[in-house]
Protein backbone atom coordinates (compact mmCIF):
# COMPACT_ATOMS: atom_id res chain seq x y z
CA UNK A 1 -7.01 -2.09 -2.95
CA UNK A 2 -5.88 -1.43 0.61
CA UNK A 3 -3.27 1.30 0.13
CA UNK A 4 -1.73 0.97 3.60
CA UNK A 5 -1.21 -2.79 3.24
CA UNK A 6 0.16 -2.39 -0.27
CA UNK A 7 2.60 0.31 0.81
CA UNK A 8 3.72 -1.62 3.91
CA UNK A 9 4.35 -4.74 1.83
CA UNK A 10 6.31 -2.71 -0.72
CA UNK A 11 8.53 -1.20 2.00
CA UNK A 12 9.13 -4.63 3.54
CA UNK A 13 9.99 -6.02 0.09
CA UNK A 14 12.84 -3.56 -0.23
CA UNK A 15 14.58 -5.24 2.73
CA UNK A 16 16.16 -1.98 3.83
CA UNK A 17 14.82 -1.89 7.37
CA UNK A 18 13.22 1.18 8.90
CA UNK A 19 15.93 3.65 7.97
CA UNK A 20 18.08 3.87 4.86
CA UNK A 21 19.90 6.37 2.70
CA UNK A 22 18.71 7.60 -0.68
CA UNK A 23 21.62 5.76 -2.32
CA UNK A 24 20.69 2.51 -0.55
CA UNK A 25 17.14 2.91 -1.82
CA UNK A 26 18.33 3.47 -5.40
CA UNK A 27 20.51 0.34 -5.22
CA UNK A 28 17.61 -1.69 -3.83
CA UNK A 29 15.21 -0.59 -6.59
CA UNK A 30 17.87 -1.23 -9.21
CA UNK A 31 18.55 -4.72 -7.81
CA UNK A 32 14.84 -5.51 -7.49
CA UNK A 33 14.15 -4.52 -11.11
CA UNK A 34 17.41 -5.94 -12.53
CA UNK A 35 17.88 -2.72 -14.48
CA UNK A 36 20.20 0.25 -14.28
CA UNK A 37 18.50 3.26 -12.66
CA UNK A 38 19.46 6.80 -13.58
CA UNK A 39 18.10 10.03 -12.10
CA UNK A 40 18.46 13.04 -14.40
CA UNK A 41 17.48 16.67 -13.88
CA UNK A 42 15.98 18.36 -16.94
CA UNK A 43 16.38 22.12 -16.85
CA UNK A 44 13.65 22.54 -19.50
CA UNK A 45 11.03 20.63 -17.53
CA UNK A 46 8.80 23.21 -15.87
CA UNK A 47 6.78 22.32 -12.78
CA UNK A 48 4.24 25.01 -13.76
CA UNK A 49 3.07 22.63 -16.49
CA UNK A 50 2.08 20.16 -13.78
CA UNK A 51 4.82 17.68 -14.62
CA UNK A 52 7.52 17.49 -11.96
CA UNK A 53 9.04 14.13 -12.84
CA UNK A 54 8.63 11.29 -15.26
CA UNK A 55 9.68 7.65 -15.27
CA UNK A 56 10.85 6.35 -18.63
CA UNK A 57 11.89 2.77 -19.24
CA UNK A 58 14.23 1.83 -22.05
CA UNK A 59 15.19 -1.72 -23.00
CA UNK A 60 17.93 -1.71 -20.35
CA UNK A 61 17.44 1.27 -18.01
CA UNK A 62 14.91 3.04 -15.85
CA UNK A 63 15.21 6.82 -16.11
CA UNK A 64 13.69 9.26 -13.67
CA UNK A 65 13.66 12.68 -15.31
CA UNK A 66 12.82 15.53 -12.97
CA UNK A 67 12.38 19.29 -13.02
CA UNK A 68 14.80 21.65 -11.35
CA UNK A 69 13.83 22.99 -7.97
CA UNK A 70 15.81 24.84 -5.34
CA UNK A 71 14.19 22.69 -2.66
CA UNK A 72 16.04 19.45 -1.93
CA UNK A 73 12.93 18.03 -0.24
CA UNK A 74 10.73 18.87 -3.23
CA UNK A 75 13.21 17.27 -5.65
CA UNK A 76 13.42 14.19 -3.42
CA UNK A 77 9.63 13.84 -3.41
CA UNK A 78 9.54 14.06 -7.24
CA UNK A 79 12.03 11.23 -7.49
CA UNK A 80 10.56 9.10 -4.70
CA UNK A 81 7.12 9.25 -6.31
CA UNK A 82 8.50 7.82 -9.55
CA UNK A 83 10.51 5.19 -7.66
CA UNK A 84 7.29 4.25 -5.86
CA UNK A 85 5.61 3.54 -9.20
CA UNK A 86 8.50 1.20 -10.05
CA UNK A 87 8.44 -0.53 -6.66
CA UNK A 88 4.66 -1.01 -6.82
CA UNK A 89 4.88 -2.47 -10.32
CA UNK A 90 2.65 0.15 -11.90
CA UNK A 91 2.55 -0.09 -15.67
CA UNK A 92 4.18 -3.49 -15.88
CA UNK A 93 3.50 -5.51 -19.01
CA UNK A 94 0.74 -4.22 -21.27
CA UNK A 95 -1.03 -2.17 -18.57
CA UNK A 96 0.19 1.11 -19.99
CA UNK A 97 0.23 0.56 -23.71
CA UNK A 98 -1.47 3.13 -25.94
CA UNK A 99 -2.21 2.87 -29.65
CA UNK A 100 0.74 3.95 -31.80
CA UNK A 101 -1.50 6.14 -33.99
CA UNK A 102 -2.01 8.51 -31.04
CA UNK A 103 1.68 9.22 -30.42
CA UNK A 104 3.70 7.45 -33.15
CA UNK A 105 7.22 8.57 -32.16
CA UNK A 106 6.98 7.62 -28.50
CA UNK A 107 7.38 3.98 -27.37
CA UNK A 108 4.09 2.32 -26.24
CA UNK A 109 5.19 1.96 -22.61
CA UNK A 110 6.09 5.65 -22.38
CA UNK A 111 2.87 6.74 -24.12
CA UNK A 112 0.82 4.85 -21.56
CA UNK A 113 2.70 6.29 -18.58
CA UNK A 114 2.34 9.84 -19.89
CA UNK A 115 -1.36 9.54 -20.52
CA UNK A 116 -2.15 7.77 -17.24
CA UNK A 117 -0.64 10.66 -15.24
CA UNK A 118 -3.75 12.69 -16.01
CA UNK A 119 -5.73 11.10 -13.15
CA UNK A 120 -3.98 12.22 -9.97
CA UNK A 121 -6.78 10.84 -7.78
CA UNK A 122 -6.42 7.29 -9.10
CA UNK A 123 -5.53 4.43 -6.76
CA UNK A 124 -2.11 4.08 -8.37
CA UNK A 125 -1.21 7.75 -7.90
CA UNK A 126 -2.44 7.75 -4.31
CA UNK A 127 -0.48 4.56 -3.55
CA UNK A 128 2.66 5.96 -5.20
CA UNK A 129 2.45 9.18 -3.19
CA UNK A 130 1.84 7.25 0.03
CA UNK A 131 4.85 5.01 -0.63
CA UNK A 132 6.96 8.06 -1.54
CA UNK A 133 6.06 9.55 1.85
CA UNK A 134 7.11 6.32 3.63
CA UNK A 135 10.37 6.25 1.70
CA UNK A 136 11.04 9.87 2.64
CA UNK A 137 10.45 9.00 6.30
CA UNK A 138 12.98 6.15 6.05
CA UNK A 139 15.56 8.48 4.54
CA UNK A 140 14.90 11.14 7.19
CA UNK A 141 15.29 8.47 9.87
CA UNK A 142 18.67 7.58 8.45
CA UNK A 143 19.80 11.20 8.56
CA UNK A 144 18.66 11.56 12.16
CA UNK A 145 20.34 8.29 13.14
CA UNK A 146 23.65 9.47 11.70
CA UNK A 147 23.54 12.79 13.52
CA UNK A 148 23.60 13.69 17.16
CA UNK A 149 19.90 14.65 16.89
CA UNK A 150 18.69 11.77 19.04
CA UNK A 151 21.40 12.34 21.62
CA UNK A 152 20.56 16.01 21.93
CA UNK A 153 16.77 15.96 21.52
CA UNK A 154 15.96 12.32 22.38
């Protein structure tokens, strides 16, 4: 897999241009997936456990659950990483199913996503982080475009 090509194609597929707001990105992902997207902070989720955010899919919604952090940039990166997994189509279909006997009270899709997160050096995790970085750059570009930054420092 060529990560740079995959990420570039994913960004182009969003049809947001080079700069966009976080809200525009959320709407685009929601429209692309034909599902409601909700981002929820979980106070009990502790980043010290190595889990900063999690994407859960229900029958009708995509949920991004994330840990609390005082850093807006850190929180944004948590969320963008999970959105990147959605945009890239990671764990679509049966790719992330895990036997029910292992975790009987958790839906198969969720079981697979939780267990696959163990390998942070996998191609999917690297691609998701790379796309999250590109998305962050697009959001930063939007903020700079709306401010006098370019007039003052350009």
